[in-house]
PDB file of N, CA and C in Angstrom:
ATOM      1  N   MET A   1     103.672  95.096  83.896  1.00  0.00           N
ATOM      2  CA  MET A   1     102.784  94.211  84.612  1.00  0.00           C
ATOM      3  C   MET A   1     102.001  93.373  83.613  1.00  0.00           C
ATOM      4  N   GLU A   2     101.855  92.126  83.908  1.00  0.00           N
ATOM      5  CA  GLU A   2     101.108  91.223  83.042  1.00  0.00           C
ATOM      6  C   GLU A   2      99.613  91.334  83.308  1.00  0.00           C
ATOM      7  N   LEU A   3      98.846  91.058  82.275  1.00  0.00           N
ATOM      8  CA  LEU A   3      97.390  91.100  82.351  1.00  0.00           C
ATOM      9  C   LEU A   3      96.865  90.195  83.464  1.00  0.00           C
ATOM     10  N   ASP A   4      97.405  88.988  83.585  1.00  0.00           N
ATOM     11  CA  ASP A   4      96.925  88.029  84.588  1.00  0.00           C
ATOM     12  C   ASP A   4      97.122  88.541  86.016  1.00  0.00           C
ATOM     13  N   ILE A   5      98.248  89.185  86.255  1.00  0.00           N
ATOM     14  CA  ILE A   5      98.516  89.714  87.599  1.00  0.00           C
ATOM     15  C   ILE A   5      97.559  90.858  87.907  1.00  0.00           C
ATOM     16  N   ALA A   6      97.384  91.761  86.954  1.00  0.00           N
ATOM     17  CA  ALA A   6      96.463  92.881  87.155  1.00  0.00           C
ATOM     18  C   ALA A   6      95.051  92.371  87.401  1.00  0.00           C
ATOM     19  N   ALA A   7      94.627  91.393  86.623  1.00  0.00           N
ATOM     20  CA  ALA A   7      93.279  90.843  86.769  1.00  0.00           C
ATOM     21  C   ALA A   7      93.098  90.192  88.140  1.00  0.00           C
ATOM     22  N   LYS A   8      94.108  89.458  88.610  1.00  0.00           N
ATOM     23  CA  LYS A   8      94.012  88.802  89.922  1.00  0.00           C
ATOM     24  C   LYS A   8      93.907  89.841  91.031  1.00  0.00           C
ATOM     25  N   ARG A   9      94.732  90.863  90.978  1.00  0.00           N
ATOM     26  CA  ARG A   9      94.693  91.891  92.017  1.00  0.00           C
ATOM     27  C   ARG A   9      93.359  92.628  92.008  1.00  0.00           C
ATOM     28  N   LEU A  10      92.877  92.965  90.831  1.00  0.00           N
ATOM     29  CA  LEU A  10      91.591  93.644  90.744  1.00  0.00           C
ATOM     30  C   LEU A  10      90.457  92.746  91.230  1.00  0.00           C
ATOM     31  N   ALA A  11      90.532  91.459  90.908  1.00  0.00           N
ATOM     32  CA  ALA A  11      89.497  90.529  91.359  1.00  0.00           C
ATOM     33  C   ALA A  11      89.469  90.433  92.876  1.00  0.00           C
ATOM     34  N   GLU A  12      90.649  90.368  93.493  1.00  0.00           N
ATOM     35  CA  GLU A  12      90.698  90.272  94.958  1.00  0.00           C
ATOM     36  C   GLU A  12      90.162  91.536  95.602  1.00  0.00           C
ATOM     37  N   LEU A  13      90.464  92.684  95.029  1.00  0.00           N
ATOM     38  CA  LEU A  13      89.942  93.938  95.573  1.00  0.00           C
ATOM     39  C   LEU A  13      88.473  94.141  95.220  1.00  0.00           C
ATOM     40  N   GLY A  14      87.959  93.338  94.297  1.00  0.00           N
ATOM     41  CA  GLY A  14      86.560  93.417  93.912  1.00  0.00           C
ATOM     42  C   GLY A  14      85.622  92.778  94.928  1.00  0.00           C
ATOM     43  N   ASN A  15      86.171  92.113  95.921  1.00  0.00           N
ATOM     44  CA  ASN A  15      85.379  91.542  96.996  1.00  0.00           C
ATOM     45  C   ASN A  15      85.250  92.597  98.096  1.00  0.00           C
ATOM     46  N   SER A  16      84.036  92.856  98.562  1.00  0.00           N
ATOM     47  CA  SER A  16      83.819  93.953  99.510  1.00  0.00           C
ATOM     48  C   SER A  16      84.577  93.763 100.831  1.00  0.00           C
ATOM     49  N   THR A  17      84.676  92.542 101.323  1.00  0.00           N
ATOM     50  CA  THR A  17      85.403  92.307 102.571  1.00  0.00           C
ATOM     51  C   THR A  17      86.891  92.547 102.380  1.00  0.00           C
ATOM     52  N   ARG A  18      87.451  92.040 101.282  1.00  0.00           N
ATOM     53  CA  ARG A  18      88.889  92.239 101.036  1.00  0.00           C
ATOM     54  C   ARG A  18      89.202  93.708 100.781  1.00  0.00           C
ATOM     55  N   LEU A  19      88.307  94.395 100.088  1.00  0.00           N
ATOM     56  CA  LEU A  19      88.516  95.829  99.859  1.00  0.00           C
ATOM     57  C   LEU A  19      88.492  96.583 101.189  1.00  0.00           C
ATOM     58  N   ALA A  20      87.579  96.232 102.074  1.00  0.00           N
ATOM     59  CA  ALA A  20      87.514  96.874 103.395  1.00  0.00           C
ATOM     60  C   ALA A  20      88.795  96.611 104.188  1.00  0.00           C
ATOM     61  N   ILE A  21      89.297  95.389 104.128  1.00  0.00           N
ATOM     62  CA  ILE A  21      90.548  95.053 104.815  1.00  0.00           C
ATOM     63  C   ILE A  21      91.692  95.882 104.245  1.00  0.00           C
ATOM     64  N   PHE A  22      91.805  95.922 102.930  1.00  0.00           N
ATOM     65  CA  PHE A  22      92.901  96.662 102.298  1.00  0.00           C
ATOM     66  C   PHE A  22      92.808  98.149 102.644  1.00  0.00           C
ATOM     67  N   ARG A  23      91.606  98.719 102.566  1.00  0.00           N
ATOM     68  CA  ARG A  23      91.422 100.135 102.914  1.00  0.00           C
ATOM     69  C   ARG A  23      91.838 100.395 104.350  1.00  0.00           C
ATOM     70  N   HIS A  24      91.495  99.479 105.249  1.00  0.00           N
ATOM     71  CA  HIS A  24      91.870  99.631 106.648  1.00  0.00           C
ATOM     72  C   HIS A  24      93.393  99.611 106.802  1.00  0.00           C
ATOM     73  N   LEU A  25      94.040  98.696 106.107  1.00  0.00           N
ATOM     74  CA  LEU A  25      95.497  98.599 106.211  1.00  0.00           C
ATOM     75  C   LEU A  25      96.193  99.823 105.633  1.00  0.00           C
ATOM     76  N   VAL A  26      95.624 100.398 104.593  1.00  0.00           N
ATOM     77  CA  VAL A  26      96.221 101.596 103.980  1.00  0.00           C
ATOM     78  C   VAL A  26      96.323 102.721 105.013  1.00  0.00           C
ATOM     79  N   LYS A  27      95.362 102.810 105.906  1.00  0.00           N
ATOM     80  CA  LYS A  27      95.376 103.847 106.952  1.00  0.00           C
ATOM     81  C   LYS A  27      96.617 103.727 107.835  1.00  0.00           C
ATOM     82  N   TYR A  28      97.121 102.509 107.987  1.00  0.00           N
ATOM     83  CA  TYR A  28      98.272 102.267 108.863  1.00  0.00           C
ATOM     84  C   TYR A  28      99.602 102.321 108.114  1.00  0.00           C
ATOM     85  N   GLY A  29      99.550 102.285 106.806  1.00  0.00           N
ATOM     86  CA  GLY A  29     100.758 102.403 105.995  1.00  0.00           C
ATOM     87  C   GLY A  29     101.747 101.285 106.220  1.00  0.00           C
ATOM     88  N   PRO A  30     103.019 101.575 106.000  1.00  0.00           N
ATOM     89  CA  PRO A  30     104.048 100.529 106.049  1.00  0.00           C
ATOM     90  C   PRO A  30     104.287  99.958 107.452  1.00  0.00           C
ATOM     91  N   GLU A  31     103.835 100.640 108.483  1.00  0.00           N
ATOM     92  CA  GLU A  31     103.981 100.113 109.847  1.00  0.00           C
ATOM     93  C   GLU A  31     103.061  98.924 110.067  1.00  0.00           C
ATOM     94  N   GLY A  32     101.950  98.909 109.368  1.00  0.00           N
ATOM     95  CA  GLY A  32     101.022  97.801 109.462  1.00  0.00           C
ATOM     96  C   GLY A  32     100.090  97.890 110.645  1.00  0.00           C
ATOM     97  N   CYS A  33      99.181  96.952 110.679  1.00  0.00           N
ATOM     98  CA  CYS A  33      98.176  96.864 111.734  1.00  0.00           C
ATOM     99  C   CYS A  33      98.139  95.416 112.211  1.00  0.00           C
ATOM    100  N   PRO A  34      98.072  95.205 113.514  1.00  0.00           N
ATOM    101  CA  PRO A  34      97.965  93.833 114.005  1.00  0.00           C
ATOM    102  C   PRO A  34      96.692  93.173 113.479  1.00  0.00           C
ATOM    103  N   VAL A  35      96.772  91.876 113.210  1.00  0.00           N
ATOM    104  CA  VAL A  35      95.609  91.140 112.712  1.00  0.00           C
ATOM    105  C   VAL A  35      94.426  91.329 113.661  1.00  0.00           C
ATOM    106  N   GLY A  36      94.680  91.299 114.957  1.00  0.00           N
ATOM    107  CA  GLY A  36      93.602  91.494 115.931  1.00  0.00           C
ATOM    108  C   GLY A  36      92.946  92.861 115.802  1.00  0.00           C
ATOM    109  N   GLY A  37      93.732  93.872 115.434  1.00  0.00           N
ATOM    110  CA  GLY A  37      93.186  95.210 115.231  1.00  0.00           C
ATOM    111  C   GLY A  37      92.278  95.271 114.019  1.00  0.00           C
ATOM    112  N   VAL A  38      92.671  94.563 112.961  1.00  0.00           N
ATOM    113  CA  VAL A  38      91.836  94.487 111.758  1.00  0.00           C
ATOM    114  C   VAL A  38      90.536  93.783 112.104  1.00  0.00           C
ATOM    115  N   GLN A  39      90.654  92.680 112.815  1.00  0.00           N
ATOM    116  CA  GLN A  39      89.473  91.893 113.184  1.00  0.00           C
ATOM    117  C   GLN A  39      88.511  92.727 114.026  1.00  0.00           C
ATOM    118  N   LYS A  40      89.028  93.442 114.988  1.00  0.00           N
ATOM    119  CA  LYS A  40      88.188  94.248 115.864  1.00  0.00           C
ATOM    120  C   LYS A  40      87.551  95.412 115.104  1.00  0.00           C
ATOM    121  N   ALA A  41      88.345  96.110 114.309  1.00  0.00           N
ATOM    122  CA  ALA A  41      87.844  97.292 113.593  1.00  0.00           C
ATOM    123  C   ALA A  41      86.754  96.939 112.592  1.00  0.00           C
ATOM    124  N   LEU A  42      86.883  95.785 111.937  1.00  0.00           N
ATOM    125  CA  LEU A  42      85.949  95.422 110.874  1.00  0.00           C
ATOM    126  C   LEU A  42      84.926  94.356 111.294  1.00  0.00           C
ATOM    127  N   SER A  43      85.033  93.895 112.528  1.00  0.00           N
ATOM    128  CA  SER A  43      84.112  92.870 113.052  1.00  0.00           C
ATOM    129  C   SER A  43      84.024  91.646 112.140  1.00  0.00           C
ATOM    130  N   ILE A  44      85.197  91.115 111.801  1.00  0.00           N
ATOM    131  CA  ILE A  44      85.280  89.940 110.933  1.00  0.00           C
ATOM    132  C   ILE A  44      85.723  88.751 111.784  1.00  0.00           C
ATOM    133  N   PRO A  45      85.022  87.626 111.715  1.00  0.00           N
ATOM    134  CA  PRO A  45      85.461  86.433 112.461  1.00  0.00           C
ATOM    135  C   PRO A  45      86.877  86.024 112.048  1.00  0.00           C
ATOM    136  N   GLY A  46      87.623  85.481 112.996  1.00  0.00           N
ATOM    137  CA  GLY A  46      89.020  85.136 112.766  1.00  0.00           C
ATOM    138  C   GLY A  46      89.264  84.252 111.555  1.00  0.00           C
ATOM    139  N   SER A  47      88.476  83.199 111.400  1.00  0.00           N
ATOM    140  CA  SER A  47      88.701  82.287 110.272  1.00  0.00           C
ATOM    141  C   SER A  47      88.388  82.967 108.944  1.00  0.00           C
ATOM    142  N   THR A  48      87.390  83.826 108.938  1.00  0.00           N
ATOM    143  CA  THR A  48      87.042  84.567 107.715  1.00  0.00           C
ATOM    144  C   THR A  48      88.146  85.558 107.375  1.00  0.00           C
ATOM    145  N   LEU A  49      88.646  86.252 108.382  1.00  0.00           N
ATOM    146  CA  LEU A  49      89.726  87.214 108.163  1.00  0.00           C
ATOM    147  C   LEU A  49      90.968  86.511 107.632  1.00  0.00           C
ATOM    148  N   SER A  50      91.285  85.370 108.190  1.00  0.00           N
ATOM    149  CA  SER A  50      92.440  84.598 107.738  1.00  0.00           C
ATOM    150  C   SER A  50      92.308  84.231 106.264  1.00  0.00           C
ATOM    151  N   HIS A  51      91.125  83.791 105.875  1.00  0.00           N
ATOM    152  CA  HIS A  51      90.873  83.443 104.474  1.00  0.00           C
ATOM    153  C   HIS A  51      91.101  84.651 103.561  1.00  0.00           C
ATOM    154  N   HIS A  52      90.517  85.775 103.919  1.00  0.00           N
ATOM    155  CA  HIS A  52      90.625  86.966 103.068  1.00  0.00           C
ATOM    156  C   HIS A  52      92.057  87.505 103.034  1.00  0.00           C
ATOM    157  N   LEU A  53      92.737  87.485 104.164  1.00  0.00           N
ATOM    158  CA  LEU A  53      94.140  87.916 104.176  1.00  0.00           C
ATOM    159  C   LEU A  53      94.989  87.000 103.306  1.00  0.00           C
ATOM    160  N   GLY A  54      94.724  85.713 103.360  1.00  0.00           N
ATOM    161  CA  GLY A  54      95.462  84.767 102.510  1.00  0.00           C
ATOM    162  C   GLY A  54      95.312  85.096 101.038  1.00  0.00           C
ATOM    163  N   ARG A  55      94.120  85.469 100.632  1.00  0.00           N
ATOM    164  CA  ARG A  55      93.873  85.823  99.229  1.00  0.00           C
ATOM    165  C   ARG A  55      94.611  87.108  98.862  1.00  0.00           C
ATOM    166  N   LEU A  56      94.594  88.098  99.757  1.00  0.00           N
ATOM    167  CA  LEU A  56      95.298  89.359  99.491  1.00  0.00           C
ATOM    168  C   LEU A  56      96.813  89.148  99.451  1.00  0.00           C
ATOM    169  N   ILE A  57      97.303  88.283 100.300  1.00  0.00           N
ATOM    170  CA  ILE A  57      98.739  87.966 100.321  1.00  0.00           C
ATOM    171  C   ILE A  57      99.125  87.249  99.032  1.00  0.00           C
ATOM    172  N   ALA A  58      98.326  86.280  98.616  1.00  0.00           N
ATOM    173  CA  ALA A  58      98.612  85.527  97.384  1.00  0.00           C
ATOM    174  C   ALA A  58      98.617  86.437  96.156  1.00  0.00           C
ATOM    175  N   ALA A  59      97.827  87.489  96.192  1.00  0.00           N
ATOM    176  CA  ALA A  59      97.772  88.434  95.068  1.00  0.00           C
ATOM    177  C   ALA A  59      98.889  89.472  95.146  1.00  0.00           C
ATOM    178  N   GLY A  60      99.664  89.444  96.227  1.00  0.00           N
ATOM    179  CA  GLY A  60     100.768  90.397  96.372  1.00  0.00           C
ATOM    180  C   GLY A  60     100.334  91.762  96.861  1.00  0.00           C
ATOM    181  N   LEU A  61      99.137  91.859  97.431  1.00  0.00           N
ATOM    182  CA  LEU A  61      98.619  93.147  97.890  1.00  0.00           C
ATOM    183  C   LEU A  61      98.875  93.403  99.369  1.00  0.00           C
ATOM    184  N   VAL A  62      99.163  92.359 100.124  1.00  0.00           N
ATOM    185  CA  VAL A  62      99.397  92.470 101.565  1.00  0.00           C
ATOM    186  C   VAL A  62     100.596  91.607 101.935  1.00  0.00           C
ATOM    187  N   GLU A  63     101.370  92.094 102.875  1.00  0.00           N
ATOM    188  CA  GLU A  63     102.481  91.331 103.450  1.00  0.00           C
ATOM    189  C   GLU A  63     102.261  91.249 104.954  1.00  0.00           C
ATOM    190  N   GLN A  64     102.914  90.278 105.583  1.00  0.00           N
ATOM    191  CA  GLN A  64     102.816  90.136 107.031  1.00  0.00           C
ATOM    192  C   GLN A  64     104.203  90.049 107.642  1.00  0.00           C
ATOM    193  N   ARG A  65     104.295  90.509 108.891  1.00  0.00           N
ATOM    194  CA  ARG A  65     105.529  90.358 109.664  1.00  0.00           C
ATOM    195  C   ARG A  65     105.148  90.050 111.099  1.00  0.00           C
ATOM    196  N   ARG A  66     105.940  89.237 111.714  1.00  0.00           N
ATOM    197  CA  ARG A  66     105.672  88.832 113.090  1.00  0.00           C
ATOM    198  C   ARG A  66     106.653  89.546 114.013  1.00  0.00           C
ATOM    199  N   GLU A  67     106.103  90.094 115.087  1.00  0.00           N
ATOM    200  CA  GLU A  67     106.911  90.684 116.156  1.00  0.00           C
ATOM    201  C   GLU A  67     106.469  90.006 117.446  1.00  0.00           C
ATOM    202  N   GLY A  68     107.249  89.040 117.866  1.00  0.00           N
ATOM    203  CA  GLY A  68     106.863  88.268 119.037  1.00  0.00           C
ATOM    204  C   GLY A  68     105.600  87.484 118.748  1.00  0.00           C
ATOM    205  N   ARG A  69     104.566  87.749 119.514  1.00  0.00           N
ATOM    206  CA  ARG A  69     103.296  87.040 119.326  1.00  0.00           C
ATOM    207  C   ARG A  69     102.324  87.807 118.433  1.00  0.00           C
ATOM    208  N   ILE A  70     102.720  88.988 117.991  1.00  0.00           N
ATOM    209  CA  ILE A  70     101.816  89.834 117.205  1.00  0.00           C
ATOM    210  C   ILE A  70     102.153  89.731 115.727  1.00  0.00           C
ATOM    211  N   LEU A  71     101.127  89.481 114.937  1.00  0.00           N
ATOM    212  CA  LEU A  71     101.259  89.392 113.484  1.00  0.00           C
ATOM    213  C   LEU A  71     100.695  90.677 112.873  1.00  0.00           C
ATOM    214  N   TYR A  72     101.557  91.408 112.184  1.00  0.00           N
ATOM    215  CA  TYR A  72     101.162  92.666 111.548  1.00  0.00           C
ATOM    216  C   TYR A  72     100.911  92.443 110.058  1.00  0.00           C
ATOM    217  N   CYS A  73      99.933  93.160 109.531  1.00  0.00           N
ATOM    218  CA  CYS A  73      99.644  93.138 108.098  1.00  0.00           C
ATOM    219  C   CYS A  73      99.912  94.525 107.530  1.00  0.00           C
ATOM    220  N   MET A  74     100.589  94.569 106.390  1.00  0.00           N
ATOM    221  CA  MET A  74     100.905  95.828 105.735  1.00  0.00           C
ATOM    222  C   MET A  74     100.424  95.788 104.290  1.00  0.00           C
ATOM    223  N   PRO A  75      99.855  96.902 103.818  1.00  0.00           N
ATOM    224  CA  PRO A  75      99.475  96.958 102.407  1.00  0.00           C
ATOM    225  C   PRO A  75     100.731  97.097 101.548  1.00  0.00           C
ATOM    226  N   VAL A  76     100.735  96.475 100.395  1.00  0.00           N
ATOM    227  CA  VAL A  76     101.848  96.623  99.457  1.00  0.00           C
ATOM    228  C   VAL A  76     101.408  97.683  98.445  1.00  0.00           C
ATOM    229  N   MET A  77     101.730  98.922  98.774  1.00  0.00           N
ATOM    230  CA  MET A  77     101.254 100.037  97.954  1.00  0.00           C
ATOM    231  C   MET A  77     101.838 100.006  96.549  1.00  0.00           C
ATOM    232  N   SER A  78     103.039  99.480  96.416  1.00  0.00           N
ATOM    233  CA  SER A  78     103.631  99.392  95.079  1.00  0.00           C
ATOM    234  C   SER A  78     102.818  98.468  94.178  1.00  0.00           C
ATOM    235  N   ALA A  79     102.208  97.427  94.753  1.00  0.00           N
ATOM    236  CA  ALA A  79     101.368  96.521  93.963  1.00  0.00           C
ATOM    237  C   ALA A  79     100.123  97.242  93.472  1.00  0.00           C
ATOM    238  N   LEU A  80      99.530  98.054  94.342  1.00  0.00           N
ATOM    239  CA  LEU A  80      98.364  98.837  93.929  1.00  0.00           C
ATOM    240  C   LEU A  80      98.762  99.864  92.877  1.00  0.00           C
ATOM    241  N   ASP A  81      99.908 100.504  93.071  1.00  0.00           N
ATOM    242  CA  ASP A  81     100.408 101.465  92.080  1.00  0.00           C
ATOM    243  C   ASP A  81     100.607 100.803  90.719  1.00  0.00           C
ATOM    244  N   GLU A  82     101.120  99.583  90.714  1.00  0.00           N
ATOM    245  CA  GLU A  82     101.325  98.864  89.453  1.00  0.00           C
ATOM    246  C   GLU A  82     100.006  98.640  88.723  1.00  0.00           C
ATOM    247  N   VAL A  83      98.967  98.291  89.472  1.00  0.00           N
ATOM    248  CA  VAL A  83      97.656  98.071  88.860  1.00  0.00           C
ATOM    249  C   VAL A  83      97.112  99.373  88.288  1.00  0.00           C
ATOM    250  N   VAL A  84      97.197 100.436  89.049  1.00  0.00           N
ATOM    251  CA  VAL A  84      96.699 101.734  88.574  1.00  0.00           C
ATOM    252  C   VAL A  84      97.484 102.178  87.348  1.00  0.00           C
ATOM    253  N   ASN A  85      98.788 102.030  87.380  1.00  0.00           N
ATOM    254  CA  ASN A  85      99.613 102.398  86.222  1.00  0.00           C
ATOM    255  C   ASN A  85      99.274 101.548  85.007  1.00  0.00           C
ATOM    256  N   TYR A  86      99.025 100.266  85.236  1.00  0.00           N
ATOM    257  CA  TYR A  86      98.653  99.370  84.148  1.00  0.00           C
ATOM    258  C   TYR A  86      97.371  99.856  83.484  1.00  0.00           C
ATOM    259  N   LEU A  87      96.424 100.275  84.301  1.00  0.00           N
ATOM    260  CA  LEU A  87      95.139 100.726  83.772  1.00  0.00           C
ATOM    261  C   LEU A  87      95.233 102.064  83.054  1.00  0.00           C
ATOM    262  N   THR A  88      96.165 102.907  83.465  1.00  0.00           N
ATOM    263  CA  THR A  88      96.216 104.261  82.908  1.00  0.00           C
ATOM    264  C   THR A  88      97.393 104.515  81.958  1.00  0.00           C
ATOM    265  N   GLU A  89      98.255 103.533  81.754  1.00  0.00           N
ATOM    266  CA  GLU A  89      99.484 103.782  80.987  1.00  0.00           C
ATOM    267  C   GLU A  89      99.222 104.204  79.544  1.00  0.00           C
ATOM    268  N   GLU A  90      98.139 103.798  78.985  1.00  0.00           N
ATOM    269  CA  GLU A  90      97.851 104.202  77.617  1.00  0.00           C
ATOM    270  C   GLU A  90      96.633 105.107  77.536  1.00  0.00           C
ATOM    271  N   CYS A  91      96.366 105.766  78.639  1.00  0.00           N
ATOM    272  CA  CYS A  91      95.216 106.651  78.702  1.00  0.00           C
ATOM    273  C   CYS A  91      95.277 107.722  77.602  1.00  0.00           C
ATOM    274  N   CYS A  92      94.186 107.849  76.904  1.00  0.00           N
ATOM    275  CA  CYS A  92      94.023 108.901  75.893  1.00  0.00           C
ATOM    276  C   CYS A  92      94.964 108.767  74.708  1.00  0.00           C
ATOM    277  N   SER A  93      95.485 107.567  74.449  1.00  0.00           N
ATOM    278  CA  SER A  93      96.436 107.397  73.357  1.00  0.00           C
ATOM    279  C   SER A  93      95.776 106.814  72.102  1.00  0.00           C
ATOM    280  N   ALA A  94      94.512 106.497  72.195  1.00  0.00           N
ATOM    281  CA  ALA A  94      93.842 105.902  71.027  1.00  0.00           C
ATOM    282  C   ALA A  94      92.477 106.556  70.848  1.00  0.00           C
ATOM    283  N   SER A  95      92.015 106.474  69.654  1.00  0.00           N
ATOM    284  CA  SER A  95      90.661 106.956  69.387  1.00  0.00           C
ATOM    285  C   SER A  95      89.818 105.772  68.943  1.00  0.00           C
ATOM    286  N   CYS A  96      88.578 105.847  69.235  1.00  0.00           N
ATOM    287  CA  CYS A  96      87.653 104.782  68.879  1.00  0.00           C
ATOM    288  C   CYS A  96      86.738 105.304  67.789  1.00  0.00           C
ATOM    289  N   SER A  97      86.707 104.595  66.688  1.00  0.00           N
ATOM    290  CA  SER A  97      85.821 105.018  65.604  1.00  0.00           C
ATOM    291  C   SER A  97      84.714 104.011  65.440  1.00  0.00           C
ATOM    292  N   ILE A  98      83.595 104.514  65.077  1.00  0.00           N
ATOM    293  CA  ILE A  98      82.411 103.664  64.901  1.00  0.00           C
ATOM    294  C   ILE A  98      82.182 103.379  63.439  1.00  0.00           C
TER     295      ILE A  98
END
């Protein structure tokens, strides 16, 4: 994983609204949650939710699928795993001297 991708994903999750959305979607797993369900559960206005979902999608953290008139959002757990692995891949491999 490149530094820029990790930084973008972490930055998007660093926003409290986007983090709440992502946490909510994680509860539903790969089946996803309808956008209306996210909006209702988190009490986020539609235009605000659309903005935040767009940012999460652009960062590769959320995907969407349409079933008829219902738009589902799913967390991309592999993207989160990549960020965590990036942060921990060299854990405890260096010493810091003063």
